[in-house]
């Protein structure tokens, strides 16, 4: 497998983890805690900045309630967002 192909697969895995996590209404912290991984590591997985081992992949899939293969599905990738997300402002009653 070429480095470019590995990077592409890692982007698909990261995007799928994020998409499914958000669909389940989970925060990154909740998923990281439930899967027994560090928050920073989960953030790196979602941004495709680290290689992921099979054991972690299976743990994430289990917590998300999907089969591990689902995380490999190649879908159109959302555009990469740079920087920190904006903080939600508190609404006035």
PDB file of N, CA and C in Angstrom:
ATOM      1  N   UNK A   1       0.860  -1.177   0.000  1.00  0.00           N
ATOM      2  CA  UNK A   1       0.000   0.000   0.000  1.00  0.00           C
ATOM      3  C   UNK A   1       0.902   1.233   0.000  1.00  0.00           C
ATOM      4  N   UNK A   2       0.571   2.159  -0.838  1.00  0.00           N
ATOM      5  CA  UNK A   2       1.359   3.391  -0.907  1.00  0.00           C
ATOM      6  C   UNK A   2       1.003   4.305   0.260  1.00  0.00           C
ATOM      7  N   UNK A   3       1.888   5.241   0.526  1.00  0.00           N
ATOM      8  CA  UNK A   3       1.618   6.209   1.593  1.00  0.00           C
ATOM      9  C   UNK A   3       0.363   7.013   1.294  1.00  0.00           C
ATOM     10  N   UNK A   4       0.170   7.355   0.023  1.00  0.00           N
ATOM     11  CA  UNK A   4      -1.014   8.134  -0.358  1.00  0.00           C
ATOM     12  C   UNK A   4      -2.285   7.334  -0.104  1.00  0.00           C
ATOM     13  N   UNK A   5      -2.255   6.043  -0.413  1.00  0.00           N
ATOM     14  CA  UNK A   5      -3.436   5.195  -0.193  1.00  0.00           C
ATOM     15  C   UNK A   5      -3.693   5.041   1.299  1.00  0.00           C
ATOM     16  N   UNK A   6      -2.646   4.865   2.100  1.00  0.00           N
ATOM     17  CA  UNK A   6      -2.809   4.760   3.547  1.00  0.00           C
ATOM     18  C   UNK A   6      -3.434   6.033   4.098  1.00  0.00           C
ATOM     19  N   UNK A   7      -2.953   7.179   3.666  1.00  0.00           N
ATOM     20  CA  UNK A   7      -3.518   8.454   4.119  1.00  0.00           C
ATOM     21  C   UNK A   7      -4.992   8.564   3.743  1.00  0.00           C
ATOM     22  N   UNK A   8      -5.329   8.094   2.545  1.00  0.00           N
ATOM     23  CA  UNK A   8      -6.720   8.137   2.094  1.00  0.00           C
ATOM     24  C   UNK A   8      -7.603   7.254   2.976  1.00  0.00           C
ATOM     25  N   UNK A   9      -7.139   6.042   3.273  1.00  0.00           N
ATOM     26  CA  UNK A   9      -7.907   5.124   4.124  1.00  0.00           C
ATOM     27  C   UNK A   9      -8.072   5.712   5.518  1.00  0.00           C
ATOM     28  N   UNK A  10      -7.017   6.300   6.062  1.00  0.00           N
ATOM     29  CA  UNK A  10      -7.107   6.917   7.387  1.00  0.00           C
ATOM     30  C   UNK A  10      -8.094   8.078   7.393  1.00  0.00           C
ATOM     31  N   UNK A  11      -8.167   8.829   6.295  1.00  0.00           N
ATOM     32  CA  UNK A  11      -9.150   9.915   6.200  1.00  0.00           C
ATOM     33  C   UNK A  11     -10.569   9.359   6.198  1.00  0.00           C
ATOM     34  N   UNK A  12     -10.792   8.245   5.481  1.00  0.00           N
ATOM     35  CA  UNK A  12     -12.122   7.636   5.467  1.00  0.00           C
ATOM     36  C   UNK A  12     -12.497   7.125   6.856  1.00  0.00           C
ATOM     37  N   UNK A  13     -11.560   6.466   7.524  1.00  0.00           N
ATOM     38  CA  UNK A  13     -11.839   5.959   8.869  1.00  0.00           C
ATOM     39  C   UNK A  13     -12.175   7.118   9.799  1.00  0.00           C
ATOM     40  N   UNK A  14     -11.352   8.144   9.797  1.00  0.00           N
ATOM     41  CA  UNK A  14     -11.590   9.298  10.662  1.00  0.00           C
ATOM     42  C   UNK A  14     -12.920   9.968  10.394  1.00  0.00           C
ATOM     43  N   UNK A  15     -13.238  10.151   9.119  1.00  0.00           N
ATOM     44  CA  UNK A  15     -14.506  10.790   8.752  1.00  0.00           C
ATOM     45  C   UNK A  15     -15.693   9.932   9.171  1.00  0.00           C
ATOM     46  N   UNK A  16     -15.567   8.617   9.022  1.00  0.00           N
ATOM     47  CA  UNK A  16     -16.658   7.722   9.412  1.00  0.00           C
ATOM     48  C   UNK A  16     -16.839   7.677  10.924  1.00  0.00           C
ATOM     49  N   UNK A  17     -15.740   7.656  11.671  1.00  0.00           N
ATOM     50  CA  UNK A  17     -15.847   7.690  13.132  1.00  0.00           C
ATOM     51  C   UNK A  17     -16.573   8.964  13.554  1.00  0.00           C
ATOM     52  N   UNK A  18     -16.164  10.080  13.007  1.00  0.00           N
ATOM     53  CA  UNK A  18     -16.790  11.364  13.358  1.00  0.00           C
ATOM     54  C   UNK A  18     -18.270  11.390  12.970  1.00  0.00           C
ATOM     55  N   UNK A  19     -18.574  10.967  11.747  1.00  0.00           N
ATOM     56  CA  UNK A  19     -19.958  10.991  11.252  1.00  0.00           C
ATOM     57  C   UNK A  19     -20.869  10.139  12.134  1.00  0.00           C
ATOM     58  N   UNK A  20     -20.419   8.929  12.449  1.00  0.00           N
ATOM     59  CA  UNK A  20     -21.239   8.021  13.257  1.00  0.00           C
ATOM     60  C   UNK A  20     -21.344   8.530  14.688  1.00  0.00           C
ATOM     61  N   UNK A  21     -20.233   9.050  15.227  1.00  0.00           N
ATOM     62  CA  UNK A  21     -20.258   9.601  16.591  1.00  0.00           C
ATOM     63  C   UNK A  21     -21.282  10.721  16.693  1.00  0.00           C
ATOM     64  N   UNK A  22     -21.266  11.631  15.735  1.00  0.00           N
ATOM     65  CA  UNK A  22     -22.216  12.746  15.756  1.00  0.00           C
ATOM     66  C   UNK A  22     -23.649  12.255  15.570  1.00  0.00           C
ATOM     67  N   UNK A  23     -23.817  11.259  14.724  1.00  0.00           N
ATOM     68  CA  UNK A  23     -25.152  10.685  14.506  1.00  0.00           C
ATOM     69  C   UNK A  23     -25.695  10.073  15.800  1.00  0.00           C
ATOM     70  N   UNK A  24     -24.802   9.530  16.614  1.00  0.00           N
ATOM     71  CA  UNK A  24     -25.192   8.918  17.894  1.00  0.00           C
ATOM     72  C   UNK A  24     -25.336   9.963  19.005  1.00  0.00           C
ATOM     73  N   UNK A  25     -24.991  11.210  18.692  1.00  0.00           N
ATOM     74  CA  UNK A  25     -25.099  12.277  19.681  1.00  0.00           C
ATOM     75  C   UNK A  25     -24.032  12.218  20.758  1.00  0.00           C
ATOM     76  N   UNK A  26     -22.871  11.675  20.415  1.00  0.00           N
ATOM     77  CA  UNK A  26     -21.784  11.537  21.381  1.00  0.00           C
ATOM     78  C   UNK A  26     -20.750  12.635  21.194  1.00  0.00           C
ATOM     79  N   UNK A  27     -20.157  13.052  22.299  1.00  0.00           N
ATOM     80  CA  UNK A  27     -19.019  13.960  22.229  1.00  0.00           C
ATOM     81  C   UNK A  27     -17.757  13.130  22.011  1.00  0.00           C
ATOM     82  N   UNK A  28     -16.687  13.808  21.641  1.00  0.00           N
ATOM     83  CA  UNK A  28     -15.416  13.105  21.511  1.00  0.00           C
ATOM     84  C   UNK A  28     -15.002  12.506  22.851  1.00  0.00           C
ATOM     85  N   UNK A  29     -15.214  13.251  23.923  1.00  0.00           N
ATOM     86  CA  UNK A  29     -14.832  12.770  25.245  1.00  0.00           C
ATOM     87  C   UNK A  29     -15.611  11.515  25.617  1.00  0.00           C
ATOM     88  N   UNK A  30     -16.909  11.498  25.335  1.00  0.00           N
ATOM     89  CA  UNK A  30     -17.734  10.324  25.651  1.00  0.00           C
ATOM     90  C   UNK A  30     -17.262   9.094  24.883  1.00  0.00           C
ATOM     91  N   UNK A  31     -16.972   9.263  23.602  1.00  0.00           N
ATOM     92  CA  UNK A  31     -16.501   8.129  22.801  1.00  0.00           C
ATOM     93  C   UNK A  31     -15.134   7.667  23.276  1.00  0.00           C
ATOM     94  N   UNK A  32     -14.237   8.602  23.538  1.00  0.00           N
ATOM     95  CA  UNK A  32     -12.898   8.243  24.006  1.00  0.00           C
ATOM     96  C   UNK A  32     -12.974   7.469  25.318  1.00  0.00           C
ATOM     97  N   UNK A  33     -13.769   7.954  26.262  1.00  0.00           N
ATOM     98  CA  UNK A  33     -13.906   7.274  27.553  1.00  0.00           C
ATOM     99  C   UNK A  33     -14.477   5.871  27.384  1.00  0.00           C
ATOM    100  N   UNK A  34     -15.535   5.755  26.581  1.00  0.00           N
ATOM    101  CA  UNK A  34     -16.192   4.461  26.401  1.00  0.00           C
ATOM    102  C   UNK A  34     -15.289   3.455  25.687  1.00  0.00           C
ATOM    103  N   UNK A  35     -14.435   3.941  24.802  1.00  0.00           N
ATOM    104  CA  UNK A  35     -13.543   3.054  24.055  1.00  0.00           C
ATOM    105  C   UNK A  35     -12.211   2.829  24.770  1.00  0.00           C
ATOM    106  N   UNK A  36     -11.975   3.571  25.842  1.00  0.00           N
ATOM    107  CA  UNK A  36     -10.740   3.406  26.601  1.00  0.00           C
ATOM    108  C   UNK A  36      -9.516   3.981  25.907  1.00  0.00           C
ATOM    109  N   UNK A  37      -9.717   5.075  25.176  1.00  0.00           N
ATOM    110  CA  UNK A  37      -8.584   5.742  24.526  1.00  0.00           C
ATOM    111  C   UNK A  37      -8.522   7.185  25.009  1.00  0.00           C
ATOM    112  N   UNK A  38      -7.373   7.790  24.843  1.00  0.00           N
ATOM    113  CA  UNK A  38      -7.213   9.191  25.236  1.00  0.00           C
ATOM    114  C   UNK A  38      -7.969  10.096  24.263  1.00  0.00           C
ATOM    115  N   UNK A  39      -8.505  11.178  24.788  1.00  0.00           N
ATOM    116  CA  UNK A  39      -9.228  12.141  23.959  1.00  0.00           C
ATOM    117  C   UNK A  39      -8.343  12.628  22.816  1.00  0.00           C
ATOM    118  N   UNK A  40      -7.112  12.959  23.109  1.00  0.00           N
ATOM    119  CA  UNK A  40      -6.176  13.466  22.094  1.00  0.00           C
ATOM    120  C   UNK A  40      -6.001  12.447  20.963  1.00  0.00           C
ATOM    121  N   UNK A  41      -5.921  11.162  21.324  1.00  0.00           N
ATOM    122  CA  UNK A  41      -5.759  10.106  20.324  1.00  0.00           C
ATOM    123  C   UNK A  41      -6.992  10.029  19.428  1.00  0.00           C
ATOM    124  N   UNK A  42      -8.184  10.102  20.016  1.00  0.00           N
ATOM    125  CA  UNK A  42      -9.417  10.085  19.228  1.00  0.00           C
ATOM    126  C   UNK A  42      -9.460  11.288  18.283  1.00  0.00           C
ATOM    127  N   UNK A  43      -9.059  12.446  18.776  1.00  0.00           N
ATOM    128  CA  UNK A  43      -9.034  13.641  17.927  1.00  0.00           C
ATOM    129  C   UNK A  43      -8.093  13.446  16.740  1.00  0.00           C
ATOM    130  N   UNK A  44      -6.957  12.819  16.983  1.00  0.00           N
ATOM    131  CA  UNK A  44      -6.005  12.556  15.906  1.00  0.00           C
ATOM    132  C   UNK A  44      -6.560  11.539  14.912  1.00  0.00           C
ATOM    133  N   UNK A  45      -7.318  10.554  15.399  1.00  0.00           N
ATOM    134  CA  UNK A  45      -7.955   9.575  14.512  1.00  0.00           C
ATOM    135  C   UNK A  45      -8.954  10.282  13.608  1.00  0.00           C
ATOM    136  N   UNK A  46      -9.800  11.112  14.186  1.00  0.00           N
ATOM    137  CA  UNK A  46     -10.822  11.802  13.400  1.00  0.00           C
ATOM    138  C   UNK A  46     -10.209  12.754  12.375  1.00  0.00           C
ATOM    139  N   UNK A  47      -9.020  13.269  12.653  1.00  0.00           N
ATOM    140  CA  UNK A  47      -8.345  14.172  11.712  1.00  0.00           C
ATOM    141  C   UNK A  47      -7.356  13.430  10.811  1.00  0.00           C
ATOM    142  N   UNK A  48      -7.313  12.094  10.927  1.00  0.00           N
ATOM    143  CA  UNK A  48      -6.413  11.250  10.121  1.00  0.00           C
ATOM    144  C   UNK A  48      -4.952  11.630  10.327  1.00  0.00           C
ATOM    145  N   UNK A  49      -4.592  11.953  11.567  1.00  0.00           N
ATOM    146  CA  UNK A  49      -3.227  12.356  11.887  1.00  0.00           C
ATOM    147  C   UNK A  49      -2.425  11.235  12.529  1.00  0.00           C
ATOM    148  N   UNK A  50      -3.038  10.061  12.711  1.00  0.00           N
ATOM    149  CA  UNK A  50      -2.345   8.943  13.328  1.00  0.00           C
ATOM    150  C   UNK A  50      -2.834   7.643  12.723  1.00  0.00           C
ATOM    151  N   UNK A  51      -1.965   6.651  12.743  1.00  0.00           N
ATOM    152  CA  UNK A  51      -2.353   5.325  12.283  1.00  0.00           C
ATOM    153  C   UNK A  51      -3.121   4.649  13.412  1.00  0.00           C
ATOM    154  N   UNK A  52      -4.123   3.885  13.071  1.00  0.00           N
ATOM    155  CA  UNK A  52      -4.978   3.265  14.076  1.00  0.00           C
ATOM    156  C   UNK A  52      -4.795   1.754  14.028  1.00  0.00           C
ATOM    157  N   UNK A  53      -4.617   1.150  15.200  1.00  0.00           N
ATOM    158  CA  UNK A  53      -4.473  -0.289  15.275  1.00  0.00           C
ATOM    159  C   UNK A  53      -5.819  -0.993  15.213  1.00  0.00           C
ATOM    160  N   UNK A  54      -5.778  -2.272  14.907  1.00  0.00           N
ATOM    161  CA  UNK A  54      -7.005  -3.056  14.778  1.00  0.00           C
ATOM    162  C   UNK A  54      -7.772  -3.090  16.096  1.00  0.00           C
ATOM    163  N   UNK A  55      -7.083  -3.224  17.204  1.00  0.00           N
ATOM    164  CA  UNK A  55      -7.758  -3.280  18.501  1.00  0.00           C
ATOM    165  C   UNK A  55      -8.559  -2.022  18.788  1.00  0.00           C
ATOM    166  N   UNK A  56      -7.982  -0.872  18.517  1.00  0.00           N
ATOM    167  CA  UNK A  56      -8.679   0.402  18.734  1.00  0.00           C
ATOM    168  C   UNK A  56      -9.840   0.528  17.761  1.00  0.00           C
ATOM    169  N   UNK A  57      -9.624   0.120  16.526  1.00  0.00           N
ATOM    170  CA  UNK A  57     -10.686   0.173  15.519  1.00  0.00           C
ATOM    171  C   UNK A  57     -11.896  -0.647  15.973  1.00  0.00           C
ATOM    172  N   UNK A  58     -11.643  -1.841  16.491  1.00  0.00           N
ATOM    173  CA  UNK A  58     -12.725  -2.713  16.964  1.00  0.00           C
ATOM    174  C   UNK A  58     -13.422  -2.094  18.171  1.00  0.00           C
ATOM    175  N   UNK A  59     -12.659  -1.526  19.108  1.00  0.00           N
ATOM    176  CA  UNK A  59     -13.268  -0.877  20.278  1.00  0.00           C
ATOM    177  C   UNK A  59     -14.172   0.276  19.860  1.00  0.00           C
ATOM    178  N   UNK A  60     -13.692   1.121  18.955  1.00  0.00           N
ATOM    179  CA  UNK A  60     -14.496   2.254  18.491  1.00  0.00           C
ATOM    180  C   UNK A  60     -15.765   1.770  17.800  1.00  0.00           C
ATOM    181  N   UNK A  61     -15.630   0.764  16.956  1.00  0.00           N
ATOM    182  CA  UNK A  61     -16.798   0.223  16.253  1.00  0.00           C
ATOM    183  C   UNK A  61     -17.809  -0.337  17.244  1.00  0.00           C
ATOM    184  N   UNK A  62     -17.337  -1.066  18.247  1.00  0.00           N
ATOM    185  CA  UNK A  62     -18.242  -1.632  19.259  1.00  0.00           C
ATOM    186  C   UNK A  62     -19.013  -0.537  19.984  1.00  0.00           C
ATOM    187  N   UNK A  63     -18.310   0.486  20.427  1.00  0.00           N
ATOM    188  CA  UNK A  63     -18.958   1.582  21.155  1.00  0.00           C
ATOM    189  C   UNK A  63     -19.950   2.316  20.254  1.00  0.00           C
ATOM    190  N   UNK A  64     -19.602   2.466  18.987  1.00  0.00           N
ATOM    191  CA  UNK A  64     -20.480   3.162  18.042  1.00  0.00           C
ATOM    192  C   UNK A  64     -21.628   2.279  17.552  1.00  0.00           C
ATOM    193  N   UNK A  65     -21.551   0.986  17.860  1.00  0.00           N
ATOM    194  CA  UNK A  65     -22.625   0.068  17.479  1.00  0.00           C
ATOM    195  C   UNK A  65     -22.624  -0.312  16.011  1.00  0.00           C
ATOM    196  N   UNK A  66     -21.428  -0.373  15.419  1.00  0.00           N
ATOM    197  CA  UNK A  66     -21.316  -0.765  14.016  1.00  0.00           C
ATOM    198  C   UNK A  66     -20.263  -1.860  13.882  1.00  0.00           C
ATOM    199  N   UNK A  67     -20.265  -2.526  12.739  1.00  0.00           N
ATOM    200  CA  UNK A  67     -19.220  -3.513  12.461  1.00  0.00           C
ATOM    201  C   UNK A  67     -17.952  -2.758  12.067  1.00  0.00           C
ATOM    202  N   UNK A  68     -16.788  -3.279  12.391  1.00  0.00           N
ATOM    203  CA  UNK A  68     -15.544  -2.577  12.063  1.00  0.00           C
ATOM    204  C   UNK A  68     -15.418  -2.201  10.588  1.00  0.00           C
ATOM    205  N   UNK A  69     -15.908  -3.037   9.702  1.00  0.00           N
ATOM    206  CA  UNK A  69     -15.818  -2.756   8.272  1.00  0.00           C
ATOM    207  C   UNK A  69     -16.526  -1.484   7.853  1.00  0.00           C
ATOM    208  N   UNK A  70     -17.541  -1.088   8.614  1.00  0.00           N
ATOM    209  CA  UNK A  70     -18.282   0.138   8.295  1.00  0.00           C
ATOM    210  C   UNK A  70     -17.350   1.348   8.349  1.00  0.00           C
ATOM    211  N   UNK A  71     -16.367   1.301   9.227  1.00  0.00           N
ATOM    212  CA  UNK A  71     -15.452   2.435   9.371  1.00  0.00           C
ATOM    213  C   UNK A  71     -14.534   2.603   8.161  1.00  0.00           C
ATOM    214  N   UNK A  72     -14.434   1.563   7.322  1.00  0.00           N
ATOM    215  CA  UNK A  72     -13.589   1.627   6.129  1.00  0.00           C
ATOM    216  C   UNK A  72     -14.341   2.112   4.895  1.00  0.00           C
ATOM    217  N   UNK A  73     -15.642   2.275   4.996  1.00  0.00           N
ATOM    218  CA  UNK A  73     -16.434   2.643   3.819  1.00  0.00           C
ATOM    219  C   UNK A  73     -15.947   3.951   3.215  1.00  0.00           C
ATOM    220  N   UNK A  74     -15.785   3.895   1.923  1.00  0.00           N
ATOM    221  CA  UNK A  74     -15.308   5.074   1.205  1.00  0.00           C
ATOM    222  C   UNK A  74     -16.501   5.902   0.756  1.00  0.00           C
ATOM    223  N   UNK A  75     -16.641   7.041   1.348  1.00  0.00           N
ATOM    224  CA  UNK A  75     -17.694   7.996   1.009  1.00  0.00           C
ATOM    225  C   UNK A  75     -17.024   9.285   0.589  1.00  0.00           C
ATOM    226  N   UNK A  76     -17.818  10.166   0.051  1.00  0.00           N
ATOM    227  CA  UNK A  76     -17.265  11.475  -0.287  1.00  0.00           C
ATOM    228  C   UNK A  76     -16.852  12.150   1.013  1.00  0.00           C
ATOM    229  N   UNK A  77     -15.629  12.603   1.046  1.00  0.00           N
ATOM    230  CA  UNK A  77     -15.115  13.213   2.265  1.00  0.00           C
ATOM    231  C   UNK A  77     -15.552  14.664   2.374  1.00  0.00           C
ATOM    232  N   UNK A  78     -15.923  15.079   3.587  1.00  0.00           N
ATOM    233  CA  UNK A  78     -16.251  16.493   3.774  1.00  0.00           C
ATOM    234  C   UNK A  78     -14.979  17.321   3.663  1.00  0.00           C
ATOM    235  N   UNK A  79     -15.096  18.604   3.349  1.00  0.00           N
ATOM    236  CA  UNK A  79     -13.893  19.438   3.268  1.00  0.00           C
ATOM    237  C   UNK A  79     -13.204  19.510   4.626  1.00  0.00           C
ATOM    238  N   UNK A  80     -11.900  19.595   4.590  1.00  0.00           N
ATOM    239  CA  UNK A  80     -11.116  19.677   5.822  1.00  0.00           C
ATOM    240  C   UNK A  80     -11.274  21.068   6.404  1.00  0.00           C
ATOM    241  N   UNK A  81     -11.650  21.127   7.685  1.00  0.00           N
ATOM    242  CA  UNK A  81     -11.794  22.409   8.372  1.00  0.00           C
ATOM    243  C   UNK A  81     -10.528  22.669   9.164  1.00  0.00           C
ATOM    244  N   UNK A  82     -10.009  23.842   9.043  1.00  0.00           N
ATOM    245  CA  UNK A  82      -8.786  24.223   9.754  1.00  0.00           C
ATOM    246  C   UNK A  82      -9.137  25.060  10.973  1.00  0.00           C
ATOM    247  N   UNK A  83      -8.301  24.983  11.991  1.00  0.00           N
ATOM    248  CA  UNK A  83      -8.492  25.815  13.173  1.00  0.00           C
ATOM    249  C   UNK A  83      -9.470  25.216  14.164  1.00  0.00           C
ATOM    250  N   UNK A  84      -9.717  25.965  15.194  1.00  0.00           N
ATOM    251  CA  UNK A  84     -10.613  25.523  16.262  1.00  0.00           C
ATOM    252  C   UNK A  84     -12.059  25.823  15.899  1.00  0.00           C
ATOM    253  N   UNK A  85     -12.964  24.941  16.321  1.00  0.00           N
ATOM    254  CA  UNK A  85     -14.378  25.237  16.077  1.00  0.00           C
ATOM    255  C   UNK A  85     -14.830  26.390  16.961  1.00  0.00           C
ATOM    256  N   UNK A  86     -15.821  27.111  16.498  1.00  0.00           N
ATOM    257  CA  UNK A  86     -16.358  28.206  17.300  1.00  0.00           C
ATOM    258  C   UNK A  86     -17.115  27.641  18.488  1.00  0.00           C
ATOM    259  N   UNK A  87     -17.008  28.333  19.611  1.00  0.00           N
ATOM    260  CA  UNK A  87     -17.736  27.909  20.805  1.00  0.00           C
ATOM    261  C   UNK A  87     -19.177  28.366  20.694  1.00  0.00           C
ATOM    262  N   UNK A  88     -20.069  27.504  21.142  1.00  0.00           N
ATOM    263  CA  UNK A  88     -21.489  27.855  21.118  1.00  0.00           C
ATOM    264  C   UNK A  88     -21.747  28.926  22.167  1.00  0.00           C
ATOM    265  N   UNK A  89     -22.534  29.894  21.799  1.00  0.00           N
ATOM    266  CA  UNK A  89     -22.883  30.955  22.744  1.00  0.00           C
ATOM    267  C   UNK A  89     -24.118  30.541  23.518  1.00  0.00           C
ATOM    268  N   UNK A  90     -24.148  30.928  24.768  1.00  0.00           N
ATOM    269  CA  UNK A  90     -25.313  30.627  25.607  1.00  0.00           C
ATOM    270  C   UNK A  90     -26.491  31.469  25.138  1.00  0.00           C
ATOM    271  N   UNK A  91     -27.628  30.844  25.039  1.00  0.00           N
ATOM    272  CA  UNK A  91     -28.839  31.561  24.634  1.00  0.00           C
ATOM    273  C   UNK A  91     -29.470  32.223  25.839  1.00  0.00           C
ATOM    274  N   UNK A  92     -30.026  33.373  25.589  1.00  0.00           N
ATOM    275  CA  UNK A  92     -30.710  34.081  26.673  1.00  0.00           C
ATOM    276  C   UNK A  92     -32.111  33.516  26.823  1.00  0.00           C
ATOM    277  N   UNK A  93     -32.590  33.380  28.069  1.00  0.00           N
ATOM    278  CA  UNK A  93     -33.931  32.806  28.280  1.00  0.00           C
ATOM    279  C   UNK A  93     -35.038  33.708  27.807  1.00  0.00           C
TER     280      UNK A  93
END
